[in-house]
Amino acid sequence: MAEPSLTARGAATYQRILDAATQEFAERGIAGARIERIVAAARTNKAQLYAYFGNKEKLFDTIFFGSLERIMNVAPIDATDLADWAVRLYDEYLRRPDLIRLATWARLERRPAGHLVDDHHRVDDGKLHAITEAQAAGLVRQGDPFDVMAMVIAMSMAWSPVSNVYAATAQEPAEAHERRRALLRESVRRAVAAD
């Protein structure tokens, strides 16, 4: 849903709703999120929320698809250096763990198998094209570009909030993050190196 044309006050309310809902959905998922908690945290009312977003599902969609766009803008792919891309993704998961939690809830509650989103919402065409070009240039190993992308993303999530082994936080010592970044960078570099 596109952001409506708003007054300054309306835009502030709209953003407070997005912020409160992002936290609510990240913590509790789609089914567990409550509109009452969102509007209380956003200091608004249900009528305003429904006027902007329609319903809880559409509010989640606005936040979730916005998070997909955000990660592409903050950590755009560089298929000539997928190791660096993986590290930038790692850093973004530290900065915004709520965004990866949203994707996890979407996986758990909406699409337990296959692509995370419907084909018309997929935003990976540019990434796949970049990987295909890097493969053609001999910079990245051959194989399905989607599988290469999925593997690099999975490696970048090794210490993310969805890790089943260890979830890192931004509050940990810088040395721990540097050690993980170095391991991630070298592991991805080896994994995607052209044969």
C-alpha atoms as a PDB file:
ATOM      1  CA  MET A   1       0.000   0.000   0.000  1.00  0.00           C
ATOM      2  CA  ALA A   2       1.483   3.349  -1.014  1.00  0.00           C
ATOM      3  CA  GLU A   3       1.937   5.965   1.643  1.00  0.00           C
ATOM      4  CA  PRO A   4      -1.002   8.377   1.420  1.00  0.00           C
ATOM      5  CA  SER A   5      -0.549  12.117   0.871  1.00  0.00           C
ATOM      6  CA  LEU A   6      -0.521  13.449   4.418  1.00  0.00           C
ATOM      7  CA  THR A   7      -0.162  16.607   6.431  1.00  0.00           C
ATOM      8  CA  ALA A   8       2.906  16.835   8.675  1.00  0.00           C
ATOM      9  CA  ARG A   9       0.800  15.686  11.624  1.00  0.00           C
ATOM     10  CA  GLY A  10      -0.702  12.834   9.594  1.00  0.00           C
ATOM     11  CA  ALA A  11       2.745  11.755   8.400  1.00  0.00           C
ATOM     12  CA  ALA A  12       3.978  11.666  11.998  1.00  0.00           C
ATOM     13  CA  THR A  13       1.003   9.507  13.017  1.00  0.00           C
ATOM     14  CA  TYR A  14       1.528   7.232  10.008  1.00  0.00           C
ATOM     15  CA  GLN A  15       5.200   6.753  10.970  1.00  0.00           C
ATOM     16  CA  ARG A  16       4.351   6.112  14.637  1.00  0.00           C
ATOM     17  CA  ILE A  17       1.930   3.391  13.516  1.00  0.00           C
ATOM     18  CA  LEU A  18       4.599   1.825  11.304  1.00  0.00           C
ATOM     19  CA  ASP A  19       7.171   1.925  14.108  1.00  0.00           C
ATOM     20  CA  ALA A  20       4.808   0.477  16.717  1.00  0.00           C
ATOM     21  CA  ALA A  21       3.501  -2.185  14.330  1.00  0.00           C
ATOM     22  CA  THR A  22       7.012  -3.189  13.261  1.00  0.00           C
ATOM     23  CA  GLN A  23       7.903  -3.870  16.871  1.00  0.00           C
ATOM     24  CA  GLU A  24       4.608  -5.645  17.572  1.00  0.00           C
ATOM     25  CA  PHE A  25       4.819  -7.901  14.498  1.00  0.00           C
ATOM     26  CA  ALA A  26       8.517  -8.635  15.041  1.00  0.00           C
ATOM     27  CA  GLU A  27       7.879  -9.703  18.626  1.00  0.00           C
ATOM     28  CA  ARG A  28       4.578 -11.520  18.264  1.00  0.00           C
ATOM     29  CA  GLY A  29       4.046 -12.421  14.617  1.00  0.00           C
ATOM     30  CA  ILE A  30       1.010 -11.757  12.489  1.00  0.00           C
ATOM     31  CA  ALA A  31      -1.455 -13.845  14.485  1.00  0.00           C
ATOM     32  CA  GLY A  32      -0.132 -12.683  17.860  1.00  0.00           C
ATOM     33  CA  ALA A  33      -0.002  -8.971  17.036  1.00  0.00           C
ATOM     34  CA  ARG A  34      -2.800  -6.874  18.495  1.00  0.00           C
ATOM     35  CA  ILE A  35      -4.141  -3.696  16.952  1.00  0.00           C
ATOM     36  CA  GLU A  36      -4.952  -2.405  20.449  1.00  0.00           C
ATOM     37  CA  ARG A  37      -1.273  -2.540  21.461  1.00  0.00           C
ATOM     38  CA  ILE A  38      -0.190  -0.939  18.180  1.00  0.00           C
ATOM     39  CA  VAL A  39      -2.540   2.041  18.454  1.00  0.00           C
ATOM     40  CA  ALA A  40      -1.696   2.510  22.153  1.00  0.00           C
ATOM     41  CA  ALA A  41       2.041   2.544  21.393  1.00  0.00           C
ATOM     42  CA  ALA A  42       1.483   4.843  18.391  1.00  0.00           C
ATOM     43  CA  ARG A  43      -0.719   7.208  20.434  1.00  0.00           C
ATOM     44  CA  THR A  44      -3.550   7.038  17.918  1.00  0.00           C
ATOM     45  CA  ASN A  45      -6.773   5.107  17.411  1.00  0.00           C
ATOM     46  CA  LYS A  46      -8.047   2.139  15.430  1.00  0.00           C
ATOM     47  CA  ALA A  47      -9.989   4.331  13.008  1.00  0.00           C
ATOM     48  CA  GLN A  48      -6.803   6.144  12.006  1.00  0.00           C
ATOM     49  CA  LEU A  49      -4.873   2.893  11.590  1.00  0.00           C
ATOM     50  CA  TYR A  50      -7.626   1.350   9.458  1.00  0.00           C
ATOM     51  CA  ALA A  51      -7.921   4.533   7.396  1.00  0.00           C
ATOM     52  CA  TYR A  52      -4.222   4.336   6.525  1.00  0.00           C
ATOM     53  CA  PHE A  53      -3.778   0.559   6.155  1.00  0.00           C
ATOM     54  CA  GLY A  54      -7.179  -1.126   5.821  1.00  0.00           C
ATOM     55  CA  ASN A  55      -6.579  -4.031   8.193  1.00  0.00           C
ATOM     56  CA  LYS A  56      -3.907  -5.885  10.171  1.00  0.00           C
ATOM     57  CA  GLU A  57      -2.834  -8.036   7.207  1.00  0.00           C
ATOM     58  CA  LYS A  58      -2.320  -4.996   4.977  1.00  0.00           C
ATOM     59  CA  LEU A  59      -0.414  -3.240   7.762  1.00  0.00           C
ATOM     60  CA  PHE A  60       1.907  -6.234   8.033  1.00  0.00           C
ATOM     61  CA  ASP A  61       2.324  -6.264   4.242  1.00  0.00           C
ATOM     62  CA  THR A  62       3.248  -2.570   4.211  1.00  0.00           C
ATOM     63  CA  ILE A  63       5.921  -3.160   6.829  1.00  0.00           C
ATOM     64  CA  PHE A  64       7.166  -6.460   5.434  1.00  0.00           C
ATOM     65  CA  PHE A  65       7.488  -5.353   1.816  1.00  0.00           C
ATOM     66  CA  GLY A  66       9.037  -2.099   3.017  1.00  0.00           C
ATOM     67  CA  SER A  67      11.640  -4.154   4.889  1.00  0.00           C
ATOM     68  CA  LEU A  68      12.480  -6.078   1.706  1.00  0.00           C
ATOM     69  CA  GLU A  69      13.018  -2.813  -0.150  1.00  0.00           C
ATOM     70  CA  ARG A  70      15.038  -1.415   2.740  1.00  0.00           C
ATOM     71  CA  ILE A  71      17.508  -4.301   2.796  1.00  0.00           C
ATOM     72  CA  MET A  72      18.045  -3.950  -0.958  1.00  0.00           C
ATOM     73  CA  ASN A  73      18.766  -0.233  -0.553  1.00  0.00           C
ATOM     74  CA  VAL A  74      20.941  -0.529   2.548  1.00  0.00           C
ATOM     75  CA  ALA A  75      22.857  -3.604   1.389  1.00  0.00           C
ATOM     76  CA  PRO A  76      22.641  -3.710  -2.415  1.00  0.00           C
ATOM     77  CA  ILE A  77      24.185  -6.746  -4.033  1.00  0.00           C
ATOM     78  CA  ASP A  78      27.617  -6.595  -5.595  1.00  0.00           C
ATOM     79  CA  ALA A  79      27.907  -9.909  -7.412  1.00  0.00           C
ATOM     80  CA  THR A  80      31.585  -9.230  -8.081  1.00  0.00           C
ATOM     81  CA  ASP A  81      32.129  -9.379  -4.298  1.00  0.00           C
ATOM     82  CA  LEU A  82      29.463 -11.612  -2.771  1.00  0.00           C
ATOM     83  CA  ALA A  83      31.603 -12.011   0.348  1.00  0.00           C
ATOM     84  CA  ASP A  84      31.343  -8.291   1.070  1.00  0.00           C
ATOM     85  CA  TRP A  85      27.595  -8.410   0.390  1.00  0.00           C
ATOM     86  CA  ALA A  86      27.226 -11.207   2.952  1.00  0.00           C
ATOM     87  CA  VAL A  87      29.083  -9.132   5.547  1.00  0.00           C
ATOM     88  CA  ARG A  88      26.919  -6.085   4.844  1.00  0.00           C
ATOM     89  CA  LEU A  89      23.836  -8.267   5.320  1.00  0.00           C
ATOM     90  CA  TYR A  90      25.282  -9.546   8.624  1.00  0.00           C
ATOM     91  CA  ASP A  91      25.728  -5.949   9.759  1.00  0.00           C
ATOM     92  CA  GLU A  92      22.189  -5.021   8.767  1.00  0.00           C
ATOM     93  CA  TYR A  93      20.780  -7.938  10.778  1.00  0.00           C
ATOM     94  CA  LEU A  94      22.669  -6.547  13.792  1.00  0.00           C
ATOM     95  CA  ARG A  95      21.267  -3.045  13.221  1.00  0.00           C
ATOM     96  CA  ARG A  96      17.701  -4.145  12.504  1.00  0.00           C
ATOM     97  CA  PRO A  97      16.972  -7.600  13.950  1.00  0.00           C
ATOM     98  CA  ASP A  98      13.269  -6.767  13.736  1.00  0.00           C
ATOM     99  CA  LEU A  99      13.401  -6.918   9.933  1.00  0.00           C
ATOM    100  CA  ILE A 100      14.660 -10.484   9.825  1.00  0.00           C
ATOM    101  CA  ARG A 101      12.096 -11.463  12.441  1.00  0.00           C
ATOM    102  CA  LEU A 102       9.355 -10.135  10.152  1.00  0.00           C
ATOM    103  CA  ALA A 103      10.582 -12.402   7.371  1.00  0.00           C
ATOM    104  CA  THR A 104      10.624 -15.316   9.785  1.00  0.00           C
ATOM    105  CA  TRP A 105       7.027 -14.693  10.824  1.00  0.00           C
ATOM    106  CA  ALA A 106       6.016 -14.448   7.166  1.00  0.00           C
ATOM    107  CA  ARG A 107       7.697 -17.812   6.574  1.00  0.00           C
ATOM    108  CA  LEU A 108       6.085 -19.443   9.615  1.00  0.00           C
ATOM    109  CA  GLU A 109       2.596 -18.023   9.237  1.00  0.00           C
ATOM    110  CA  ARG A 110       2.161 -17.541   5.513  1.00  0.00           C
ATOM    111  CA  ARG A 111       4.514 -19.492   3.282  1.00  0.00           C
ATOM    112  CA  PRO A 112       6.120 -22.482   4.968  1.00  0.00           C
ATOM    113  CA  ALA A 113       7.576 -23.731   1.664  1.00  0.00           C
ATOM    114  CA  GLY A 114       8.774 -22.282  -1.612  1.00  0.00           C
ATOM    115  CA  HIS A 115       9.524 -18.613  -2.160  1.00  0.00           C
ATOM    116  CA  LEU A 116       8.911 -16.285   0.768  1.00  0.00           C
ATOM    117  CA  VAL A 117       6.602 -14.071  -1.309  1.00  0.00           C
ATOM    118  CA  ASP A 118       4.348 -14.475  -4.341  1.00  0.00           C
ATOM    119  CA  ASP A 119       6.044 -14.071  -7.707  1.00  0.00           C
ATOM    120  CA  HIS A 120       4.590 -10.598  -8.269  1.00  0.00           C
ATOM    121  CA  HIS A 121       6.175  -9.419  -4.989  1.00  0.00           C
ATOM    122  CA  ARG A 122       9.594 -10.941  -5.585  1.00  0.00           C
ATOM    123  CA  VAL A 123      12.409  -8.428  -5.680  1.00  0.00           C
ATOM    124  CA  ASP A 124      15.350 -10.632  -6.561  1.00  0.00           C
ATOM    125  CA  ASP A 125      15.474 -10.186 -10.350  1.00  0.00           C
ATOM    126  CA  GLY A 126      18.274  -7.624 -10.115  1.00  0.00           C
ATOM    127  CA  LYS A 127      20.278  -9.850  -7.800  1.00  0.00           C
ATOM    128  CA  LEU A 128      19.859 -12.857 -10.049  1.00  0.00           C
ATOM    129  CA  HIS A 129      20.861 -10.844 -13.109  1.00  0.00           C
ATOM    130  CA  ALA A 130      23.970  -9.568 -11.309  1.00  0.00           C
ATOM    131  CA  ILE A 131      24.970 -13.086 -10.294  1.00  0.00           C
ATOM    132  CA  THR A 132      24.375 -14.370 -13.831  1.00  0.00           C
ATOM    133  CA  GLU A 133      26.651 -11.631 -15.214  1.00  0.00           C
ATOM    134  CA  ALA A 134      29.333 -12.405 -12.621  1.00  0.00           C
ATOM    135  CA  GLN A 135      29.137 -16.073 -13.584  1.00  0.00           C
ATOM    136  CA  ALA A 136      29.476 -15.215 -17.276  1.00  0.00           C
ATOM    137  CA  ALA A 137      32.534 -13.108 -16.437  1.00  0.00           C
ATOM    138  CA  GLY A 138      34.101 -16.059 -14.608  1.00  0.00           C
ATOM    139  CA  LEU A 139      33.917 -14.362 -11.191  1.00  0.00           C
ATOM    140  CA  VAL A 140      31.344 -16.639  -9.549  1.00  0.00           C
ATOM    141  CA  ARG A 141      30.984 -20.418  -9.704  1.00  0.00           C
ATOM    142  CA  GLN A 142      28.485 -21.874 -12.114  1.00  0.00           C
ATOM    143  CA  GLY A 143      25.108 -23.033 -10.878  1.00  0.00           C
ATOM    144  CA  ASP A 144      21.597 -21.766 -10.556  1.00  0.00           C
ATOM    145  CA  PRO A 145      21.918 -18.043  -9.705  1.00  0.00           C
ATOM    146  CA  PHE A 146      19.006 -18.344  -7.282  1.00  0.00           C
ATOM    147  CA  ASP A 147      20.768 -21.136  -5.396  1.00  0.00           C
ATOM    148  CA  VAL A 148      23.985 -19.104  -5.228  1.00  0.00           C
ATOM    149  CA  MET A 149      22.048 -16.111  -3.883  1.00  0.00           C
ATOM    150  CA  ALA A 150      20.147 -18.266  -1.363  1.00  0.00           C
ATOM    151  CA  MET A 151      23.367 -19.834  -0.104  1.00  0.00           C
ATOM    152  CA  VAL A 152      25.093 -16.484   0.405  1.00  0.00           C
ATOM    153  CA  ILE A 153      22.058 -15.069   2.220  1.00  0.00           C
ATOM    154  CA  ALA A 154      21.867 -18.176   4.414  1.00  0.00           C
ATOM    155  CA  MET A 155      25.539 -17.848   5.300  1.00  0.00           C
ATOM    156  CA  SER A 156      25.027 -14.184   6.190  1.00  0.00           C
ATOM    157  CA  MET A 157      22.251 -15.247   8.592  1.00  0.00           C
ATOM    158  CA  ALA A 158      24.432 -17.719  10.539  1.00  0.00           C
ATOM    159  CA  TRP A 159      24.380 -15.481  13.640  1.00  0.00           C
ATOM    160  CA  SER A 160      21.100 -13.672  12.949  1.00  0.00           C
ATOM    161  CA  PRO A 161      18.000 -13.631  15.183  1.00  0.00           C
ATOM    162  CA  VAL A 162      16.747 -16.740  13.348  1.00  0.00           C
ATOM    163  CA  SER A 163      19.860 -18.811  13.956  1.00  0.00           C
ATOM    164  CA  ASN A 164      19.129 -22.108  15.644  1.00  0.00           C
ATOM    165  CA  VAL A 165      22.647 -22.083  17.085  1.00  0.00           C
ATOM    166  CA  TYR A 166      23.481 -18.546  18.287  1.00  0.00           C
ATOM    167  CA  ALA A 167      21.854 -15.144  17.762  1.00  0.00           C
ATOM    168  CA  ALA A 168      24.319 -12.264  17.880  1.00  0.00           C
ATOM    169  CA  THR A 169      23.429  -8.769  19.041  1.00  0.00           C
ATOM    170  CA  ALA A 170      24.909  -5.367  18.355  1.00  0.00           C
ATOM    171  CA  GLN A 171      25.820  -5.104  22.058  1.00  0.00           C
ATOM    172  CA  GLU A 172      28.461  -7.833  21.851  1.00  0.00           C
ATOM    173  CA  PRO A 173      32.160  -6.884  21.788  1.00  0.00           C
ATOM    174  CA  ALA A 174      33.381  -5.469  18.496  1.00  0.00           C
ATOM    175  CA  GLU A 175      36.074  -8.159  18.386  1.00  0.00           C
ATOM    176  CA  ALA A 176      33.421 -10.897  18.197  1.00  0.00           C
ATOM    177  CA  HIS A 177      31.784  -9.214  15.229  1.00  0.00           C
ATOM    178  CA  GLU A 178      35.099  -8.689  13.470  1.00  0.00           C
ATOM    179  CA  ARG A 179      35.979 -12.358  13.961  1.00  0.00           C
ATOM    180  CA  ARG A 180      32.603 -13.430  12.515  1.00  0.00           C
ATOM    181  CA  ARG A 181      32.874 -10.984   9.608  1.00  0.00           C
ATOM    182  CA  ALA A 182      36.316 -12.354   8.711  1.00  0.00           C
ATOM    183  CA  LEU A 183      35.075 -15.956   8.849  1.00  0.00           C
ATOM    184  CA  LEU A 184      31.943 -15.100   6.853  1.00  0.00           C
ATOM    185  CA  ARG A 185      33.909 -13.160   4.236  1.00  0.00           C
ATOM    186  CA  GLU A 186      36.431 -15.976   3.717  1.00  0.00           C
ATOM    187  CA  SER A 187      33.775 -18.721   3.748  1.00  0.00           C
ATOM    188  CA  VAL A 188      31.589 -16.981   1.163  1.00  0.00           C
ATOM    189  CA  ARG A 189      34.601 -16.142  -0.971  1.00  0.00           C
ATOM    190  CA  ARG A 190      35.585 -19.831  -1.061  1.00  0.00           C
ATOM    191  CA  ALA A 191      32.021 -21.045  -1.567  1.00  0.00           C
ATOM    192  CA  VAL A 192      31.317 -18.852  -4.588  1.00  0.00           C
ATOM    193  CA  ALA A 193      34.758 -18.852  -6.199  1.00  0.00           C
ATOM    194  CA  ALA A 194      34.685 -19.843  -9.855  1.00  0.00           C
ATOM    195  CA  ASP A 195      35.894 -23.385 -10.489  1.00  0.00           C
END
